[in-house]
Each structure stands twice: as C-alpha cells, then as structure tokens.
PDB file of N, CA and C in Angstrom:
ATOM      1  N   MET A   1      -5.255  -1.737  -6.742  1.00  0.00           N
ATOM      2  CA  MET A   1      -6.496  -2.442  -7.016  1.00  0.00           C
ATOM      3  C   MET A   1      -6.828  -2.241  -8.496  1.00  0.00           C
ATOM      4  N   ASN A   2      -7.417  -3.264  -9.093  1.00  0.00           N
ATOM      5  CA  ASN A   2      -7.811  -3.111 -10.492  1.00  0.00           C
ATOM      6  C   ASN A   2      -9.318  -2.874 -10.605  1.00  0.00           C
ATOM      7  N   LEU A   3      -9.757  -2.523 -11.779  1.00  0.00           N
ATOM      8  CA  LEU A   3     -11.146  -2.122 -12.004  1.00  0.00           C
ATOM      9  C   LEU A   3     -12.136  -3.266 -11.788  1.00  0.00           C
ATOM     10  N   SER A   4     -11.696  -4.502 -11.927  1.00  0.00           N
ATOM     11  CA  SER A   4     -12.612  -5.628 -11.726  1.00  0.00           C
ATOM     12  C   SER A   4     -13.030  -5.767 -10.263  1.00  0.00           C
ATOM     13  N   LYS A   5     -12.312  -5.136  -9.346  1.00  0.00           N
ATOM     14  CA  LYS A   5     -12.644  -5.193  -7.918  1.00  0.00           C
ATOM     15  C   LYS A   5     -13.281  -3.895  -7.417  1.00  0.00           C
ATOM     16  N   ALA A   6     -13.547  -2.967  -8.313  1.00  0.00           N
ATOM     17  CA  ALA A   6     -14.091  -1.661  -7.945  1.00  0.00           C
ATOM     18  C   ALA A   6     -15.560  -1.766  -7.530  1.00  0.00           C
ATOM     19  N   GLU A   7     -15.949  -0.873  -6.668  1.00  0.00           N
ATOM     20  CA  GLU A   7     -17.321  -0.794  -6.191  1.00  0.00           C
ATOM     21  C   GLU A   7     -18.192  -0.097  -7.246  1.00  0.00           C
ATOM     22  N   GLU A   8     -19.380  -0.622  -7.478  1.00  0.00           N
ATOM     23  CA  GLU A   8     -20.294  -0.025  -8.454  1.00  0.00           C
ATOM     24  C   GLU A   8     -20.742   1.356  -7.990  1.00  0.00           C
ATOM     25  N   GLY A   9     -20.820   2.295  -8.933  1.00  0.00           N
ATOM     26  CA  GLY A   9     -21.321   3.630  -8.651  1.00  0.00           C
ATOM     27  C   GLY A   9     -20.309   4.594  -8.062  1.00  0.00           C
ATOM     28  N   LYS A  10     -19.120   4.138  -7.750  1.00  0.00           N
ATOM     29  CA  LYS A  10     -18.090   5.003  -7.169  1.00  0.00           C
ATOM     30  C   LYS A  10     -17.085   5.401  -8.238  1.00  0.00           C
ATOM     31  N   GLN A  11     -16.718   6.680  -8.249  1.00  0.00           N
ATOM     32  CA  GLN A  11     -15.757   7.162  -9.248  1.00  0.00           C
ATOM     33  C   GLN A  11     -14.330   6.931  -8.753  1.00  0.00           C
ATOM     34  N   TYR A  12     -13.491   6.445  -9.656  1.00  0.00           N
ATOM     35  CA  TYR A  12     -12.084   6.188  -9.377  1.00  0.00           C
ATOM     36  C   TYR A  12     -11.244   6.916 -10.420  1.00  0.00           C
ATOM     37  N   THR A  13      -9.963   7.060 -10.133  1.00  0.00           N
ATOM     38  CA  THR A  13      -9.029   7.639 -11.091  1.00  0.00           C
ATOM     39  C   THR A  13      -8.086   6.531 -11.554  1.00  0.00           C
ATOM     40  N   ILE A  14      -7.905   6.440 -12.859  1.00  0.00           N
ATOM     41  CA  ILE A  14      -7.012   5.434 -13.425  1.00  0.00           C
ATOM     42  C   ILE A  14      -5.574   5.825 -13.105  1.00  0.00           C
ATOM     43  N   LEU A  15      -4.846   4.910 -12.465  1.00  0.00           N
ATOM     44  CA  LEU A  15      -3.438   5.162 -12.143  1.00  0.00           C
ATOM     45  C   LEU A  15      -2.530   4.742 -13.284  1.00  0.00           C
ATOM     46  N   ARG A  16      -2.851   3.574 -13.867  1.00  0.00           N
ATOM     47  CA  ARG A  16      -2.041   3.079 -14.989  1.00  0.00           C
ATOM     48  C   ARG A  16      -2.768   1.914 -15.658  1.00  0.00           C
ATOM     49  N   ILE A  17      -2.267   1.542 -16.817  1.00  0.00           N
ATOM     50  CA  ILE A  17      -2.750   0.371 -17.547  1.00  0.00           C
ATOM     51  C   ILE A  17      -1.630  -0.657 -17.512  1.00  0.00           C
ATOM     52  N   GLU A  18      -1.929  -1.841 -17.008  1.00  0.00           N
ATOM     53  CA  GLU A  18      -0.916  -2.900 -16.918  1.00  0.00           C
ATOM     54  C   GLU A  18      -1.211  -3.983 -17.943  1.00  0.00           C
ATOM     55  N   THR A  19      -0.567  -3.876 -19.077  1.00  0.00           N
ATOM     56  CA  THR A  19      -0.694  -4.891 -20.113  1.00  0.00           C
ATOM     57  C   THR A  19       0.563  -4.877 -20.960  1.00  0.00           C
ATOM     58  N   GLU A  20       0.935  -6.021 -21.444  1.00  0.00           N
ATOM     59  CA  GLU A  20       2.091  -6.112 -22.340  1.00  0.00           C
ATOM     60  C   GLU A  20       1.642  -6.231 -23.787  1.00  0.00           C
ATOM     61  N   ASP A  21       0.349  -6.217 -24.011  1.00  0.00           N
ATOM     62  CA  ASP A  21      -0.233  -6.324 -25.346  1.00  0.00           C
ATOM     63  C   ASP A  21      -0.471  -4.916 -25.901  1.00  0.00           C
ATOM     64  N   GLU A  22       0.292  -4.528 -26.897  1.00  0.00           N
ATOM     65  CA  GLU A  22       0.179  -3.189 -27.484  1.00  0.00           C
ATOM     66  C   GLU A  22      -1.213  -2.927 -28.065  1.00  0.00           C
ATOM     67  N   GLU A  23      -1.808  -3.938 -28.659  1.00  0.00           N
ATOM     68  CA  GLU A  23      -3.142  -3.785 -29.249  1.00  0.00           C
ATOM     69  C   GLU A  23      -4.180  -3.504 -28.161  1.00  0.00           C
ATOM     70  N   LEU A  24      -4.095  -4.211 -27.057  1.00  0.00           N
ATOM     71  CA  LEU A  24      -5.003  -4.006 -25.928  1.00  0.00           C
ATOM     72  C   LEU A  24      -4.798  -2.624 -25.333  1.00  0.00           C
ATOM     73  N   ASP A  25      -3.560  -2.218 -25.176  1.00  0.00           N
ATOM     74  CA  ASP A  25      -3.234  -0.897 -24.655  1.00  0.00           C
ATOM     75  C   ASP A  25      -3.787   0.195 -25.565  1.00  0.00           C
ATOM     76  N   SER A  26      -3.639   0.024 -26.850  1.00  0.00           N
ATOM     77  CA  SER A  26      -4.141   0.988 -27.825  1.00  0.00           C
ATOM     78  C   SER A  26      -5.672   1.058 -27.798  1.00  0.00           C
ATOM     79  N   PHE A  27      -6.325  -0.097 -27.661  1.00  0.00           N
ATOM     80  CA  PHE A  27      -7.781  -0.140 -27.598  1.00  0.00           C
ATOM     81  C   PHE A  27      -8.289   0.615 -26.371  1.00  0.00           C
ATOM     82  N   LEU A  28      -7.689   0.362 -25.216  1.00  0.00           N
ATOM     83  CA  LEU A  28      -8.109   1.058 -24.000  1.00  0.00           C
ATOM     84  C   LEU A  28      -7.878   2.559 -24.114  1.00  0.00           C
ATOM     85  N   PHE A  29      -6.771   2.957 -24.720  1.00  0.00           N
ATOM     86  CA  PHE A  29      -6.499   4.369 -24.929  1.00  0.00           C
ATOM     87  C   PHE A  29      -7.568   5.000 -25.816  1.00  0.00           C
ATOM     88  N   SER A  30      -8.015   4.276 -26.840  1.00  0.00           N
ATOM     89  CA  SER A  30      -9.044   4.807 -27.738  1.00  0.00           C
ATOM     90  C   SER A  30     -10.390   4.996 -27.025  1.00  0.00           C
ATOM     91  N   LEU A  31     -10.622   4.231 -25.949  1.00  0.00           N
ATOM     92  CA  LEU A  31     -11.845   4.394 -25.146  1.00  0.00           C
ATOM     93  C   LEU A  31     -11.729   5.570 -24.173  1.00  0.00           C
ATOM     94  N   GLY A  32     -10.515   6.041 -23.963  1.00  0.00           N
ATOM     95  CA  GLY A  32     -10.286   7.121 -23.013  1.00  0.00           C
ATOM     96  C   GLY A  32      -9.740   6.630 -21.696  1.00  0.00           C
ATOM     97  N   CYS A  33      -9.324   5.371 -21.645  1.00  0.00           N
ATOM     98  CA  CYS A  33      -8.763   4.780 -20.429  1.00  0.00           C
ATOM     99  C   CYS A  33      -7.261   4.979 -20.405  1.00  0.00           C
ATOM    100  N   TYR A  34      -6.818   6.007 -19.704  1.00  0.00           N
ATOM    101  CA  TYR A  34      -5.393   6.260 -19.536  1.00  0.00           C
ATOM    102  C   TYR A  34      -5.171   6.969 -18.208  1.00  0.00           C
ATOM    103  N   SER A  35      -3.948   7.033 -17.790  1.00  0.00           N
ATOM    104  CA  SER A  35      -3.566   7.569 -16.494  1.00  0.00           C
ATOM    105  C   SER A  35      -4.174   8.947 -16.229  1.00  0.00           C
ATOM    106  N   GLY A  36      -4.770   9.102 -15.042  1.00  0.00           N
ATOM    107  CA  GLY A  36      -5.345  10.381 -14.639  1.00  0.00           C
ATOM    108  C   GLY A  36      -6.805  10.566 -14.993  1.00  0.00           C
ATOM    109  N   GLU A  37      -7.364   9.675 -15.767  1.00  0.00           N
ATOM    110  CA  GLU A  37      -8.745   9.798 -16.235  1.00  0.00           C
ATOM    111  C   GLU A  37      -9.716   9.185 -15.213  1.00  0.00           C
ATOM    112  N   PRO A  38     -10.826   9.892 -14.883  1.00  0.00           N
ATOM    113  CA  PRO A  38     -11.825   9.308 -13.985  1.00  0.00           C
ATOM    114  C   PRO A  38     -12.634   8.217 -14.687  1.00  0.00           C
ATOM    115  N   VAL A  39     -12.996   7.177 -13.925  1.00  0.00           N
ATOM    116  CA  VAL A  39     -13.769   6.060 -14.457  1.00  0.00           C
ATOM    117  C   VAL A  39     -14.731   5.573 -13.373  1.00  0.00           C
ATOM    118  N   THR A  40     -15.927   5.152 -13.782  1.00  0.00           N
ATOM    119  CA  THR A  40     -16.937   4.644 -12.855  1.00  0.00           C
ATOM    120  C   THR A  40     -17.462   3.313 -13.360  1.00  0.00           C
ATOM    121  N   VAL A  41     -17.552   2.317 -12.468  1.00  0.00           N
ATOM    122  CA  VAL A  41     -18.183   1.046 -12.816  1.00  0.00           C
ATOM    123  C   VAL A  41     -19.678   1.232 -12.600  1.00  0.00           C
ATOM    124  N   ILE A  42     -20.447   1.097 -13.676  1.00  0.00           N
ATOM    125  CA  ILE A  42     -21.889   1.293 -13.602  1.00  0.00           C
ATOM    126  C   ILE A  42     -22.596   0.015 -13.168  1.00  0.00           C
ATOM    127  N   SER A  43     -22.222  -1.100 -13.777  1.00  0.00           N
ATOM    128  CA  SER A  43     -22.845  -2.378 -13.419  1.00  0.00           C
ATOM    129  C   SER A  43     -21.899  -3.519 -13.741  1.00  0.00           C
ATOM    130  N   ARG A  44     -22.213  -4.675 -13.156  1.00  0.00           N
ATOM    131  CA  ARG A  44     -21.424  -5.885 -13.379  1.00  0.00           C
ATOM    132  C   ARG A  44     -22.332  -7.012 -13.804  1.00  0.00           C
ATOM    133  N   ARG A  45     -21.834  -7.798 -14.711  1.00  0.00           N
ATOM    134  CA  ARG A  45     -22.498  -9.032 -15.118  1.00  0.00           C
ATOM    135  C   ARG A  45     -21.438 -10.107 -15.152  1.00  0.00           C
ATOM    136  N   ARG A  46     -21.856 -11.328 -15.241  1.00  0.00           N
ATOM    137  CA  ARG A  46     -20.890 -12.420 -15.259  1.00  0.00           C
ATOM    138  C   ARG A  46     -19.947 -12.255 -16.457  1.00  0.00           C
ATOM    139  N   GLY A  47     -18.667 -12.095 -16.162  1.00  0.00           N
ATOM    140  CA  GLY A  47     -17.673 -12.011 -17.223  1.00  0.00           C
ATOM    141  C   GLY A  47     -17.428 -10.635 -17.798  1.00  0.00           C
ATOM    142  N   SER A  48     -18.214  -9.617 -17.374  1.00  0.00           N
ATOM    143  CA  SER A  48     -18.001  -8.279 -17.922  1.00  0.00           C
ATOM    144  C   SER A  48     -18.522  -7.213 -16.959  1.00  0.00           C
ATOM    145  N   CYS A  49     -18.186  -5.971 -17.267  1.00  0.00           N
ATOM    146  CA  CYS A  49     -18.734  -4.859 -16.511  1.00  0.00           C
ATOM    147  C   CYS A  49     -18.940  -3.674 -17.450  1.00  0.00           C
ATOM    148  N   THR A  50     -19.853  -2.802 -17.067  1.00  0.00           N
ATOM    149  CA  THR A  50     -20.127  -1.596 -17.838  1.00  0.00           C
ATOM    150  C   THR A  50     -19.475  -0.433 -17.100  1.00  0.00           C
ATOM    151  N   ILE A  51     -18.687   0.344 -17.838  1.00  0.00           N
ATOM    152  CA  ILE A  51     -17.984   1.473 -17.240  1.00  0.00           C
ATOM    153  C   ILE A  51     -18.370   2.770 -17.939  1.00  0.00           C
ATOM    154  N   ALA A  52     -18.217   3.867 -17.202  1.00  0.00           N
ATOM    155  CA  ALA A  52     -18.396   5.200 -17.772  1.00  0.00           C
ATOM    156  C   ALA A  52     -17.041   5.885 -17.725  1.00  0.00           C
ATOM    157  N   VAL A  53     -16.594   6.309 -18.888  1.00  0.00           N
ATOM    158  CA  VAL A  53     -15.330   7.031 -18.994  1.00  0.00           C
ATOM    159  C   VAL A  53     -15.500   8.098 -20.069  1.00  0.00           C
ATOM    160  N   LYS A  54     -14.989   9.290 -19.769  1.00  0.00           N
ATOM    161  CA  LYS A  54     -15.212  10.443 -20.656  1.00  0.00           C
ATOM    162  C   LYS A  54     -16.716  10.634 -20.816  1.00  0.00           C
ATOM    163  N   ASP A  55     -17.219  10.734 -22.033  1.00  0.00           N
ATOM    164  CA  ASP A  55     -18.651  10.933 -22.276  1.00  0.00           C
ATOM    165  C   ASP A  55     -19.340   9.664 -22.737  1.00  0.00           C
ATOM    166  N   GLY A  56     -18.714   8.505 -22.538  1.00  0.00           N
ATOM    167  CA  GLY A  56     -19.292   7.270 -23.049  1.00  0.00           C
ATOM    168  C   GLY A  56     -19.423   6.187 -21.994  1.00  0.00           C
ATOM    169  N   ARG A  57     -20.234   5.197 -22.359  1.00  0.00           N
ATOM    170  CA  ARG A  57     -20.390   3.993 -21.546  1.00  0.00           C
ATOM    171  C   ARG A  57     -19.962   2.812 -22.390  1.00  0.00           C
ATOM    172  N   TYR A  58     -19.164   1.933 -21.788  1.00  0.00           N
ATOM    173  CA  TYR A  58     -18.629   0.794 -22.522  1.00  0.00           C
ATOM    174  C   TYR A  58     -18.769  -0.467 -21.692  1.00  0.00           C
ATOM    175  N   SER A  59     -18.991  -1.567 -22.371  1.00  0.00           N
ATOM    176  CA  SER A  59     -18.990  -2.868 -21.724  1.00  0.00           C
ATOM    177  C   SER A  59     -17.644  -3.510 -22.028  1.00  0.00           C
ATOM    178  N   ILE A  60     -16.923  -3.862 -20.977  1.00  0.00           N
ATOM    179  CA  ILE A  60     -15.607  -4.483 -21.148  1.00  0.00           C
ATOM    180  C   ILE A  60     -15.583  -5.814 -20.409  1.00  0.00           C
ATOM    181  N   ASP A  61     -14.780  -6.741 -20.893  1.00  0.00           N
ATOM    182  CA  ASP A  61     -14.689  -8.036 -20.218  1.00  0.00           C
ATOM    183  C   ASP A  61     -13.741  -7.930 -19.025  1.00  0.00           C
ATOM    184  N   ASN A  62     -13.723  -8.975 -18.225  1.00  0.00           N
ATOM    185  CA  ASN A  62     -12.903  -8.954 -16.997  1.00  0.00           C
ATOM    186  C   ASN A  62     -11.412  -8.847 -17.290  1.00  0.00           C
ATOM    187  N   GLN A  63     -10.955  -9.376 -18.409  1.00  0.00           N
ATOM    188  CA  GLN A  63      -9.531  -9.261 -18.760  1.00  0.00           C
ATOM    189  C   GLN A  63      -9.139  -7.793 -18.931  1.00  0.00           C
ATOM    190  N   LEU A  64      -9.972  -7.019 -19.598  1.00  0.00           N
ATOM    191  CA  LEU A  64      -9.695  -5.589 -19.755  1.00  0.00           C
ATOM    192  C   LEU A  64      -9.794  -4.870 -18.413  1.00  0.00           C
ATOM    193  N   ALA A  65     -10.789  -5.223 -17.619  1.00  0.00           N
ATOM    194  CA  ALA A  65     -10.970  -4.579 -16.317  1.00  0.00           C
ATOM    195  C   ALA A  65      -9.768  -4.829 -15.408  1.00  0.00           C
ATOM    196  N   GLU A  66      -9.184  -6.007 -15.491  1.00  0.00           N
ATOM    197  CA  GLU A  66      -8.031  -6.322 -14.647  1.00  0.00           C
ATOM    198  C   GLU A  66      -6.776  -5.574 -15.085  1.00  0.00           C
ATOM    199  N   ALA A  67      -6.732  -5.113 -16.320  1.00  0.00           N
ATOM    200  CA  ALA A  67      -5.571  -4.370 -16.812  1.00  0.00           C
ATOM    201  C   ALA A  67      -5.613  -2.906 -16.398  1.00  0.00           C
ATOM    202  N   ILE A  68      -6.775  -2.423 -15.943  1.00  0.00           N
ATOM    203  CA  ILE A  68      -6.933  -1.028 -15.544  1.00  0.00           C
ATOM    204  C   ILE A  68      -6.728  -0.919 -14.038  1.00  0.00           C
ATOM    205  N   ILE A  69      -5.639  -0.283 -13.646  1.00  0.00           N
ATOM    206  CA  ILE A  69      -5.288  -0.136 -12.226  1.00  0.00           C
ATOM    207  C   ILE A  69      -5.805   1.201 -11.716  1.00  0.00           C
ATOM    208  N   ILE A  70      -6.568   1.135 -10.610  1.00  0.00           N
ATOM    209  CA  ILE A  70      -7.154   2.348 -10.038  1.00  0.00           C
ATOM    210  C   ILE A  70      -6.613   2.598  -8.648  1.00  0.00           C
TER     211      ILE A  70
END
C-alpha cells in the first residue's frame, strides 16, 4: 500500500520508495522519508496530504505520496 491510501492519524513504517526519478528520491530522503522510518498522515486535502516524519510536518502532493510504500 502507498501513503496516498493511508488512514489519517495512524502511524506507518516506510518499507521503500518506488520512483525512478533520482531527484524525487533525493528530495524524499532529505525530508527523512526512507526505509524503516515511521510516518503519519495528519490530514488530506484535494491533491495533497500533510505528513509527520522525524520532527517535521510536510505537505506533499499525491505523486510523492504514491511513491512512498508503507
């Protein structure tokens, strides 16, 4: 399952990042999104969602959320 289908308020563990775009992969890594890291979907809006990872909260679009496999 990917992060775009995750339930709000529930903590998940990132299994892997599925993208062939090195820049996108690097960006997600800089946010702290990598294998083994806990992540929580805080809220959803049309076209994006707010996530909590490490000590930060980030708004990511659905394309990024679909690349994060939980």
